[in-house]
Amino acid sequence: MSGDAFPSPDLMAAIQRAAMPDFARWQQMVRATGGCAHPIRLHGERLTVDAGTGEVLDVYRTADEPTGFLLTACGNRRASVCPACSETYRDDTFHLILSGLRGGKGVPEEVSAHPRVFATFTAPSFGAVHAHRKKGGKTLPCRPRRDNPVCPHGLREGCGARHDRDDPQLGQPLCADCYDYAGAVLWNAHAGELWRRFTLELPAVFARLLGVSRTELRRRLRLSYAKVAEYQARGLVHFHAVIRLDGPDGPDSPPPDWATVPTLDQAIRQAAGQVAVPVSSPVLVVDDTGEQGPLVLRWGTQLDVEPVYVSSALDGITDKRVAAYIAKYATKGAESAGTVDRPIRQAWEIARLDVTEHVRRMIYTCFSLGDLPEFRDVPLRKWAHMLGYRGHFSTKSRRYSVTMGELRQTRADYRAEQARLILGLPDPAEGRTVTLSEWRYAGSGHRHGEAFWAEVTRQRIETARRFARQSTADTEE
């Protein structure tokens, strides 16, 4: 018999796991986690007690489980770490964004009439890179070779090639020695601060446009937002944000008549152009006059602002498309830029990473700058695997819509209610029962032969979700 007739070691391990007596119960737990790739094992117990008599109404102990433990999902948002939990996070983000555009989840439906835009804030250029350019359905050269100029290092400044979207050259510098790696890494490290300053400057710009004080503006208008960070192929983050105008009480009150989409567009562009983050460092930049000066970080010149509509795209984009777009990137990390999804502890590890030379140089730059006293308060080494970016990937203002915690609590309450009905226990809202629980961490991840079955479970759940989404889309059409 040839070797090809025998199962692989992983498949043999999966077959052995399926033959164990606790496999059926273990599968039930895996389904409850959605097919989590790194579930957490717990030991402990939960008691439900009658508040009046002290009678124990229900007891659950992991010691009574065939497995000896209980599985719970890891909850990681990143698709590269756990596809199952990231799918849940994406769904929650989708509903969080959409409720701030259409209403629902505690947000009044009238919010759909409030002015709002979808804005994209990019990083400035730190050197020429290969890019995908398209116009009128035709792919264009990423950089025309105009008279074949060369950079100071003897390389052509023009590319002339037409790159597809999946071309591995995209985002790579035309000349790595000309590329400003220090500036790029520091921009990533301060991008969160630049966004914070923008959110503070935007109301100030509105007040100046209207000729009123900030205090008076707050009596008439409130700005709400939700944003997500995305990595470009060149390794720099940019932000996608929904920015909405409300009345003084948030989504519950309409904005003034003069608060329109064009006014919001104008204010965003002015605020973005005015904010800056000066960096006190030995890094110097050369301006148009040839003078050297300190590094001042700003937004890039490519700022896109589009109105958001409920249904027909018109001259903007639809709310569902915006929600889906933001939710998609909320589950991604820096690995989309070709870097690794784990911290790098030692400098010697960098040479062994399976990354592009461009990414390797950015990581090296994080380590090099991290050793300088000027950057003791900027943990560049800690975030080297993120190419310097240390901010949150998705954030929102307090009054934009429902919170992620509220969505998770609603899901937990629903599952608890289903379990209560099955067990026939009194409604806890009546105050007749008290639940006491104690849990201890017992490990994480799958053991011998389990990852195969968890992935099968995840794919089945994902297929069912896809069919459900398609059915809902067909119904809406």
Protein backbone atom coordinates (compact mmCIF):
# COMPACT_ATOMS: atom_id res chain seq x y z
CA MET A 1 0.00 0.00 0.00
CA SER A 2 1.38 3.40 -0.94
CA GLY A 3 1.96 6.13 1.62
CA ASP A 4 -0.75 8.27 0.02
CA ALA A 5 -3.41 5.85 1.30
CA PHE A 6 -2.73 6.72 4.94
CA PRO A 7 -4.34 9.75 6.63
CA SER A 8 -2.16 12.67 7.57
CA PRO A 9 -1.06 12.98 11.22
CA ASP A 10 -3.55 15.83 11.78
CA LEU A 11 -6.43 13.78 10.36
CA MET A 12 -5.41 10.78 12.45
CA ALA A 13 -5.44 12.98 15.55
CA ALA A 14 -8.92 14.23 14.63
CA ILE A 15 -10.18 10.68 14.18
CA GLN A 16 -8.75 9.68 17.55
CA ARG A 17 -10.43 12.69 19.22
CA ALA A 18 -13.79 11.77 17.68
CA ALA A 19 -13.52 8.27 19.17
CA MET A 20 -13.24 9.58 22.74
CA PRO A 21 -16.35 9.21 24.99
CA ASP A 22 -16.58 12.97 25.76
CA PHE A 23 -16.49 14.02 22.08
CA ALA A 24 -20.26 14.66 21.71
CA ARG A 25 -20.37 17.01 24.70
CA TRP A 26 -17.13 18.69 23.63
CA GLN A 27 -18.66 19.38 20.20
CA GLN A 28 -21.67 21.01 21.87
CA MET A 29 -19.33 23.35 23.72
CA VAL A 30 -17.42 24.16 20.53
CA ARG A 31 -20.67 25.01 18.74
CA ALA A 32 -21.58 27.31 21.63
CA THR A 33 -18.29 29.19 21.07
CA GLY A 34 -18.99 29.46 17.33
CA GLY A 35 -15.98 27.31 16.49
CA CYS A 36 -13.52 29.51 18.39
CA ALA A 37 -9.89 28.85 17.39
CA HIS A 38 -8.48 29.53 20.88
CA PRO A 39 -11.23 28.73 23.41
CA ILE A 40 -10.66 29.20 27.14
CA ARG A 41 -11.13 26.21 29.46
CA LEU A 42 -12.72 26.93 32.83
CA HIS A 43 -13.14 24.99 36.06
CA GLY A 44 -15.80 25.98 38.56
CA GLU A 45 -19.45 25.92 39.43
CA ARG A 46 -22.66 27.96 39.36
CA LEU A 47 -25.53 27.73 41.85
CA THR A 48 -29.02 29.20 41.51
CA VAL A 49 -30.61 29.70 44.94
CA ASP A 50 -34.12 30.71 46.03
CA ALA A 51 -33.66 34.14 47.60
CA GLY A 52 -36.41 33.56 50.17
CA THR A 53 -35.84 30.01 51.38
CA GLY A 54 -32.18 29.43 50.47
CA GLU A 55 -33.17 26.31 48.53
CA VAL A 56 -30.70 25.35 45.79
CA LEU A 57 -32.73 25.32 42.57
CA ASP A 58 -29.98 24.42 40.11
CA VAL A 59 -26.33 23.39 40.26
CA TYR A 60 -23.80 23.30 37.45
CA ARG A 61 -20.29 21.97 38.07
CA THR A 62 -17.59 21.43 35.51
CA ALA A 63 -16.56 18.42 37.59
CA ASP A 64 -19.74 16.74 36.35
CA GLU A 65 -18.90 17.41 32.69
CA PRO A 66 -17.55 14.48 30.63
CA THR A 67 -14.75 16.84 29.57
CA GLY A 68 -14.05 18.06 33.10
CA PHE A 69 -14.17 21.70 31.96
CA LEU A 70 -16.34 24.33 30.28
CA LEU A 71 -15.33 26.10 27.06
CA THR A 72 -15.86 29.80 26.44
CA ALA A 73 -14.89 31.85 23.38
CA CYS A 74 -11.63 33.82 23.40
CA GLY A 75 -13.36 36.98 22.07
CA ASN A 76 -10.39 38.12 19.95
CA ARG A 77 -11.44 40.64 17.30
CA ARG A 78 -8.67 39.85 14.80
CA ALA A 79 -9.51 37.50 11.96
CA SER A 80 -5.89 36.35 11.74
CA VAL A 81 -6.09 35.08 15.34
CA CYS A 82 -9.65 33.71 15.60
CA PRO A 83 -11.96 33.80 12.54
CA ALA A 84 -14.98 32.75 14.61
CA CYS A 85 -14.76 35.44 17.30
CA SER A 86 -13.77 38.09 14.77
CA GLU A 87 -16.97 37.31 12.85
CA THR A 88 -19.00 38.02 15.98
CA TYR A 89 -17.04 41.24 16.51
CA ARG A 90 -17.67 42.25 12.90
CA ASP A 91 -21.41 41.64 13.24
CA ASP A 92 -21.50 43.71 16.44
CA THR A 93 -19.55 46.53 14.77
CA PHE A 94 -21.90 46.44 11.78
CA HIS A 95 -24.97 46.87 13.99
CA LEU A 96 -23.22 49.53 16.10
CA ILE A 97 -22.43 51.62 13.00
CA LEU A 98 -25.78 51.01 11.31
CA SER A 99 -27.79 51.93 14.42
CA GLY A 100 -26.05 55.31 14.40
CA LEU A 101 -27.12 55.80 10.78
CA ARG A 102 -30.62 54.29 10.69
CA GLY A 103 -31.63 54.08 14.32
CA GLY A 104 -32.44 50.98 16.35
CA LYS A 105 -30.68 49.39 19.35
CA GLY A 106 -31.96 52.26 21.49
CA VAL A 107 -31.22 54.98 18.91
CA PRO A 108 -34.30 56.81 17.51
CA GLU A 109 -35.06 56.25 13.81
CA GLU A 110 -35.15 60.03 13.31
CA VAL A 111 -31.34 59.97 13.37
CA SER A 112 -31.43 58.82 9.74
CA ALA A 113 -32.38 62.39 8.76
CA HIS A 114 -29.36 63.94 10.49
CA PRO A 115 -26.50 65.17 8.27
CA ARG A 116 -23.63 62.68 8.20
CA VAL A 117 -20.63 61.90 6.04
CA PHE A 118 -18.14 59.09 5.53
CA ALA A 119 -14.65 60.58 5.70
CA THR A 120 -11.28 58.96 4.98
CA PHE A 121 -8.14 60.49 6.51
CA THR A 122 -4.81 59.38 5.05
CA ALA A 123 -1.15 59.70 5.97
CA PRO A 124 1.15 62.04 4.03
CA SER A 125 3.78 60.75 1.64
CA PHE A 126 7.09 59.61 3.08
CA GLY A 127 8.46 58.54 -0.27
CA ALA A 128 7.31 57.25 -3.65
CA VAL A 129 5.82 53.73 -3.61
CA HIS A 130 4.38 51.38 -6.20
CA ALA A 131 0.63 51.96 -6.44
CA HIS A 132 -2.46 50.62 -8.19
CA ARG A 133 -3.99 53.39 -10.32
CA LYS A 134 -7.17 53.07 -12.29
CA LYS A 135 -9.27 55.46 -14.33
CA GLY A 136 -12.32 54.76 -16.45
CA GLY A 137 -11.93 51.01 -15.92
CA LYS A 138 -8.37 51.10 -17.26
CA THR A 139 -5.29 50.33 -15.18
CA LEU A 140 -2.70 53.11 -15.42
CA PRO A 141 1.06 53.11 -14.77
CA CYS A 142 1.69 53.69 -11.07
CA ARG A 143 4.30 56.38 -11.83
CA PRO A 144 4.96 57.53 -15.38
CA ARG A 145 8.63 57.64 -16.40
CA ARG A 146 8.89 61.29 -17.31
CA ASP A 147 12.26 61.71 -19.03
CA ASN A 148 13.52 58.85 -16.84
CA PRO A 149 14.73 60.98 -13.88
CA VAL A 150 16.83 59.27 -11.23
CA CYS A 151 16.91 59.70 -7.47
CA PRO A 152 20.13 60.59 -5.56
CA HIS A 153 20.84 56.86 -5.29
CA GLY A 154 20.79 56.32 -9.03
CA LEU A 155 17.34 54.67 -9.26
CA ARG A 156 14.59 55.77 -11.61
CA GLU A 157 11.91 57.82 -9.88
CA GLY A 158 9.27 56.55 -12.28
CA CYS A 159 7.91 53.01 -12.41
CA GLY A 160 5.88 52.82 -15.60
CA ALA A 161 4.38 49.41 -14.69
CA ARG A 162 0.68 48.67 -14.38
CA HIS A 163 0.08 46.95 -11.05
CA ASP A 164 -2.92 44.75 -10.29
CA ARG A 165 -4.53 44.96 -6.84
CA ASP A 166 -2.83 41.75 -5.73
CA ASP A 167 0.62 42.71 -7.01
CA PRO A 168 3.17 42.06 -4.20
CA GLN A 169 5.04 45.22 -5.27
CA LEU A 170 2.18 47.48 -4.12
CA GLY A 171 3.23 49.73 -1.25
CA GLN A 172 6.94 49.00 -1.68
CA PRO A 173 9.19 52.07 -2.06
CA LEU A 174 10.66 52.86 -5.45
CA CYS A 175 13.87 53.65 -3.57
CA ALA A 176 14.15 52.32 -0.02
CA ASP A 177 17.13 54.59 0.71
CA CYS A 178 15.08 57.69 -0.18
CA TYR A 179 12.09 56.59 1.89
CA ASP A 180 11.60 58.43 5.20
CA TYR A 181 11.21 55.43 7.51
CA ALA A 182 11.64 57.48 10.69
CA GLY A 183 8.87 59.84 9.65
CA ALA A 184 6.57 56.97 8.65
CA VAL A 185 7.01 55.11 11.94
CA LEU A 186 6.56 58.26 14.01
CA TRP A 187 3.45 59.17 12.05
CA ASN A 188 1.94 55.78 12.84
CA ALA A 189 2.90 56.19 16.51
CA HIS A 190 1.16 59.60 16.73
CA ALA A 191 -1.81 58.95 14.42
CA GLY A 192 -4.11 58.42 17.40
CA GLU A 193 -3.08 61.77 18.87
CA LEU A 194 -3.63 63.43 15.51
CA TRP A 195 -7.17 62.03 15.43
CA ARG A 196 -7.81 63.23 19.02
CA ARG A 197 -6.72 66.74 18.11
CA PHE A 198 -8.94 66.64 15.05
CA THR A 199 -12.01 65.77 17.15
CA LEU A 200 -11.21 68.75 19.42
CA GLU A 201 -10.59 71.11 16.52
CA LEU A 202 -13.74 70.24 14.55
CA PRO A 203 -16.20 71.89 17.02
CA ALA A 204 -13.88 74.91 17.19
CA VAL A 205 -14.00 75.24 13.41
CA PHE A 206 -17.79 74.99 13.47
CA ALA A 207 -17.94 77.74 16.08
CA ARG A 208 -15.72 80.01 13.97
CA LEU A 209 -17.78 79.34 10.84
CA LEU A 210 -20.95 80.34 12.70
CA GLY A 211 -19.37 83.20 14.62
CA VAL A 212 -20.35 81.82 18.03
CA SER A 213 -18.45 80.63 21.08
CA ARG A 214 -17.78 76.97 21.82
CA THR A 215 -20.16 77.20 24.76
CA GLU A 216 -22.93 78.56 22.57
CA LEU A 217 -22.25 75.89 19.94
CA ARG A 218 -22.78 73.13 22.51
CA ARG A 219 -26.22 74.56 23.23
CA ARG A 220 -27.16 74.09 19.57
CA LEU A 221 -25.11 71.24 18.14
CA ARG A 222 -23.31 68.01 18.98
CA LEU A 223 -20.89 66.10 16.77
CA SER A 224 -20.78 62.33 16.98
CA TYR A 225 -18.48 59.90 15.23
CA ALA A 226 -17.40 56.28 14.84
CA LYS A 227 -14.08 55.41 13.22
CA VAL A 228 -11.89 52.47 12.29
CA ALA A 229 -8.18 52.27 11.44
CA GLU A 230 -6.96 50.45 8.33
CA TYR A 231 -3.45 49.70 7.15
CA GLN A 232 -2.45 50.66 3.63
CA ALA A 233 -0.09 48.50 1.60
CA ARG A 234 2.73 50.95 2.38
CA GLY A 235 2.41 50.13 6.10
CA LEU A 236 0.74 53.38 7.20
CA VAL A 237 -2.64 53.58 8.89
CA HIS A 238 -5.51 55.67 7.66
CA PHE A 239 -8.88 56.27 9.30
CA HIS A 240 -12.41 55.77 8.00
CA ALA A 241 -15.00 57.67 10.03
CA VAL A 242 -18.73 58.31 10.10
CA ILE A 243 -19.23 61.87 11.37
CA ARG A 244 -22.78 62.97 12.22
CA LEU A 245 -24.42 66.22 13.28
CA ASP A 246 -27.01 66.06 16.10
CA GLY A 247 -28.94 68.48 18.19
CA PRO A 248 -27.72 69.44 21.70
CA ASP A 249 -29.16 66.22 23.21
CA GLY A 250 -27.44 63.92 20.74
CA PRO A 251 -29.35 61.55 18.41
CA ASP A 252 -32.59 62.25 20.31
CA SER A 253 -32.73 65.83 19.01
CA PRO A 254 -32.51 67.20 15.45
CA PRO A 255 -29.65 69.53 14.51
CA PRO A 256 -30.34 73.17 13.56
CA ASP A 257 -31.42 73.89 9.98
CA TRP A 258 -28.07 75.48 9.15
CA ALA A 259 -26.24 72.24 10.08
CA THR A 260 -26.02 70.68 6.62
CA VAL A 261 -23.78 68.18 4.85
CA PRO A 262 -21.92 70.92 2.91
CA THR A 263 -21.24 72.78 6.17
CA LEU A 264 -19.98 69.58 7.78
CA ASP A 265 -17.80 68.86 4.74
CA GLN A 266 -16.27 72.34 4.90
CA ALA A 267 -15.60 72.09 8.65
CA ILE A 268 -13.95 68.66 8.34
CA ARG A 269 -11.59 69.86 5.62
CA GLN A 270 -10.64 72.97 7.56
CA ALA A 271 -10.07 71.10 10.82
CA ALA A 272 -8.03 68.38 9.12
CA GLY A 273 -5.81 70.98 7.50
CA GLN A 274 -5.19 72.85 10.74
CA VAL A 275 -4.29 70.12 13.24
CA ALA A 276 -0.69 68.98 13.70
CA VAL A 277 1.43 67.06 16.18
CA PRO A 278 4.97 68.43 16.62
CA VAL A 279 7.50 65.77 17.56
CA SER A 280 10.45 66.73 19.74
CA SER A 281 13.14 64.50 18.32
CA PRO A 282 16.45 64.49 16.47
CA VAL A 283 14.51 63.75 13.28
CA LEU A 284 14.69 66.76 10.98
CA VAL A 285 12.81 67.39 7.76
CA VAL A 286 13.65 69.62 4.83
CA ASP A 287 10.93 72.02 3.65
CA ASP A 288 10.38 73.43 0.17
CA THR A 289 12.99 76.12 0.76
CA GLY A 290 15.69 73.65 1.75
CA GLU A 291 15.60 74.66 5.43
CA GLN A 292 15.77 71.96 8.10
CA GLY A 293 13.31 71.96 10.98
CA PRO A 294 11.61 69.72 13.56
CA LEU A 295 9.20 67.01 12.48
CA VAL A 296 5.55 68.13 12.44
CA LEU A 297 3.02 65.38 11.74
CA ARG A 298 -0.12 66.22 9.75
CA TRP A 299 -2.82 64.49 7.73
CA GLY A 300 -2.10 63.68 4.12
CA THR A 301 -3.55 65.75 1.30
CA GLN A 302 -5.86 62.93 0.20
CA LEU A 303 -8.99 63.59 2.25
CA ASP A 304 -12.22 62.05 0.98
CA VAL A 305 -15.60 63.18 2.35
CA GLU A 306 -18.84 61.65 1.04
CA PRO A 307 -22.43 62.10 2.24
CA VAL A 308 -24.19 58.99 3.56
CA TYR A 309 -27.76 58.18 2.52
CA VAL A 310 -30.27 55.64 3.79
CA SER A 311 -30.87 53.83 0.52
CA SER A 312 -30.13 55.24 -2.93
CA ALA A 313 -26.47 56.17 -3.33
CA LEU A 314 -27.23 59.43 -5.19
CA ASP A 315 -24.00 61.48 -4.91
CA GLY A 316 -22.82 59.62 -1.82
CA ILE A 317 -22.84 56.08 -0.44
CA THR A 318 -25.45 53.99 1.34
CA ASP A 319 -25.53 53.48 5.09
CA LYS A 320 -25.37 49.66 4.88
CA ARG A 321 -22.31 49.85 2.66
CA VAL A 322 -20.60 52.18 5.13
CA ALA A 323 -21.45 49.92 8.09
CA ALA A 324 -20.20 46.83 6.26
CA TYR A 325 -16.98 48.59 5.22
CA ILE A 326 -16.13 49.75 8.73
CA ALA A 327 -17.07 46.39 10.25
CA LYS A 328 -14.79 44.61 7.78
CA TYR A 329 -11.71 46.57 8.79
CA ALA A 330 -12.53 46.44 12.50
CA THR A 331 -11.39 42.79 12.47
CA LYS A 332 -8.08 43.38 10.69
CA GLY A 333 -4.70 44.29 12.11
CA ALA A 334 -1.32 45.23 10.74
CA GLU A 335 -0.98 41.81 9.12
CA SER A 336 -2.91 43.26 6.16
CA ALA A 337 0.21 45.38 5.51
CA GLY A 338 2.40 42.28 5.43
CA THR A 339 3.72 42.36 8.98
CA VAL A 340 3.34 39.80 11.77
CA ASP A 341 0.48 39.55 14.27
CA ARG A 342 2.57 39.09 17.41
CA PRO A 343 4.94 41.29 19.44
CA ILE A 344 8.65 41.15 18.62
CA ARG A 345 10.72 40.85 21.79
CA GLN A 346 14.30 40.92 20.55
CA ALA A 347 16.03 42.71 17.68
CA TRP A 348 17.62 39.48 16.40
CA GLU A 349 14.11 38.16 15.58
CA ILE A 350 13.60 40.81 12.89
CA ALA A 351 16.02 39.25 10.40
CA ARG A 352 14.14 35.94 10.61
CA LEU A 353 10.66 37.35 9.99
CA ASP A 354 8.84 36.29 6.83
CA VAL A 355 8.05 39.85 5.73
CA THR A 356 8.96 42.21 2.89
CA GLU A 357 12.12 44.28 3.12
CA HIS A 358 9.97 47.42 3.44
CA VAL A 359 8.18 46.05 6.51
CA ARG A 360 11.47 44.80 7.93
CA ARG A 361 12.95 48.31 7.68
CA MET A 362 9.92 49.81 9.44
CA ILE A 363 10.30 47.30 12.28
CA TYR A 364 14.03 47.98 12.51
CA THR A 365 13.26 51.71 12.64
CA CYS A 366 10.88 51.16 15.57
CA PHE A 367 13.66 49.39 17.47
CA SER A 368 16.27 52.02 16.54
CA LEU A 369 14.14 55.01 17.51
CA GLY A 370 12.92 53.21 20.62
CA ASP A 371 16.45 53.28 21.98
CA LEU A 372 16.65 57.07 21.83
CA PRO A 373 15.93 59.03 25.03
CA GLU A 374 13.55 61.33 23.12
CA PHE A 375 11.12 58.44 22.67
CA ARG A 376 11.09 56.92 26.13
CA ASP A 377 7.39 57.82 26.43
CA VAL A 378 6.59 56.32 23.01
CA PRO A 379 6.77 52.51 23.27
CA LEU A 380 7.99 51.96 19.72
CA ARG A 381 9.63 48.62 20.47
CA LYS A 382 6.44 47.31 22.05
CA TRP A 383 4.44 48.21 18.94
CA ALA A 384 7.10 47.40 16.34
CA HIS A 385 4.97 44.52 14.99
CA MET A 386 2.23 47.13 14.39
CA LEU A 387 4.78 49.30 12.55
CA GLY A 388 4.55 51.86 15.35
CA TYR A 389 0.77 52.28 15.55
CA ARG A 390 -0.44 51.98 19.15
CA GLY A 391 -4.00 53.27 19.00
CA HIS A 392 -7.37 51.52 19.07
CA PHE A 393 -8.59 50.09 15.80
CA SER A 394 -12.21 51.11 16.33
CA THR A 395 -13.58 53.90 18.53
CA LYS A 396 -16.71 56.01 18.76
CA SER A 397 -17.96 59.07 20.58
CA ARG A 398 -20.17 58.49 23.59
CA ARG A 399 -23.47 59.49 21.98
CA TYR A 400 -22.99 58.00 18.51
CA SER A 401 -24.99 54.81 19.17
CA VAL A 402 -25.18 51.68 21.29
CA THR A 403 -21.94 50.36 22.82
CA MET A 404 -20.22 47.04 22.16
CA GLY A 405 -20.72 46.16 25.82
CA GLU A 406 -24.48 46.64 25.53
CA LEU A 407 -24.62 44.42 22.42
CA ARG A 408 -22.66 41.68 24.19
CA GLN A 409 -24.82 41.95 27.30
CA THR A 410 -27.98 41.64 25.19
CA ARG A 411 -26.60 38.46 23.61
CA ALA A 412 -25.60 37.06 27.02
CA ASP A 413 -29.01 37.89 28.48
CA TYR A 414 -30.76 36.12 25.60
CA ARG A 415 -28.70 32.97 26.08
CA ALA A 416 -29.28 33.05 29.84
CA GLU A 417 -33.01 33.40 29.27
CA GLN A 418 -33.07 30.42 26.92
CA ALA A 419 -31.20 28.33 29.49
CA ARG A 420 -33.57 29.45 32.26
CA LEU A 421 -36.62 28.43 30.24
CA ILE A 422 -35.13 25.00 29.53
CA LEU A 423 -34.38 24.46 33.23
CA GLY A 424 -37.77 25.86 34.32
CA LEU A 425 -36.25 28.36 36.76
CA PRO A 426 -38.04 31.52 37.99
CA ASP A 427 -37.46 34.79 36.19
CA PRO A 428 -34.52 36.56 37.94
CA ALA A 429 -36.20 39.90 37.24
CA GLU A 430 -38.75 38.99 39.88
CA GLY A 431 -36.01 38.94 42.51
CA ARG A 432 -36.82 35.39 43.65
CA THR A 433 -33.43 33.87 42.79
CA VAL A 434 -29.75 34.59 43.38
CA THR A 435 -26.96 33.17 41.22
CA LEU A 436 -23.58 32.41 42.78
CA SER A 437 -20.63 31.36 40.63
CA GLU A 438 -16.90 30.74 40.87
CA TRP A 439 -14.66 30.13 37.83
CA ARG A 440 -10.96 29.37 37.50
CA TYR A 441 -8.78 29.51 34.42
CA ALA A 442 -7.71 26.01 33.34
CA GLY A 443 -6.00 26.64 30.01
CA SER A 444 -6.66 27.83 26.48
CA GLY A 445 -6.46 26.62 22.91
CA HIS A 446 -7.32 23.27 21.37
CA ARG A 447 -5.68 20.04 22.34
CA HIS A 448 -4.68 16.99 20.31
CA GLY A 449 -6.96 16.56 17.29
CA GLU A 450 -9.48 19.25 18.27
CA ALA A 451 -8.56 22.13 15.92
CA PHE A 452 -9.82 20.14 12.90
CA TRP A 453 -13.32 19.71 14.32
CA ALA A 454 -13.48 23.29 15.58
CA GLU A 455 -12.73 24.55 12.07
CA VAL A 456 -15.41 22.25 10.60
CA THR A 457 -17.89 23.68 13.11
CA ARG A 458 -16.88 27.26 12.29
CA GLN A 459 -17.31 26.71 8.57
CA ARG A 460 -20.79 25.21 9.07
CA ILE A 461 -21.85 28.17 11.19
CA GLU A 462 -20.39 30.61 8.64
CA THR A 463 -22.28 28.86 5.80
CA ALA A 464 -25.55 29.12 7.73
CA ARG A 465 -24.90 32.83 8.39
CA ARG A 466 -24.14 33.44 4.72
CA PHE A 467 -27.39 31.82 3.63
CA ALA A 468 -29.29 33.83 6.27
CA ARG A 469 -27.73 37.10 5.03
CA GLN A 470 -28.55 36.24 1.43
CA SER A 471 -32.14 35.42 2.38
CA THR A 472 -32.46 38.75 4.20
CA ALA A 473 -30.99 40.64 1.21
CA ASP A 474 -33.41 38.92 -1.18
CA THR A 475 -36.32 39.83 1.10
CA GLU A 476 -35.27 43.50 1.25
CA GLU A 477 -35.01 43.64 -2.54
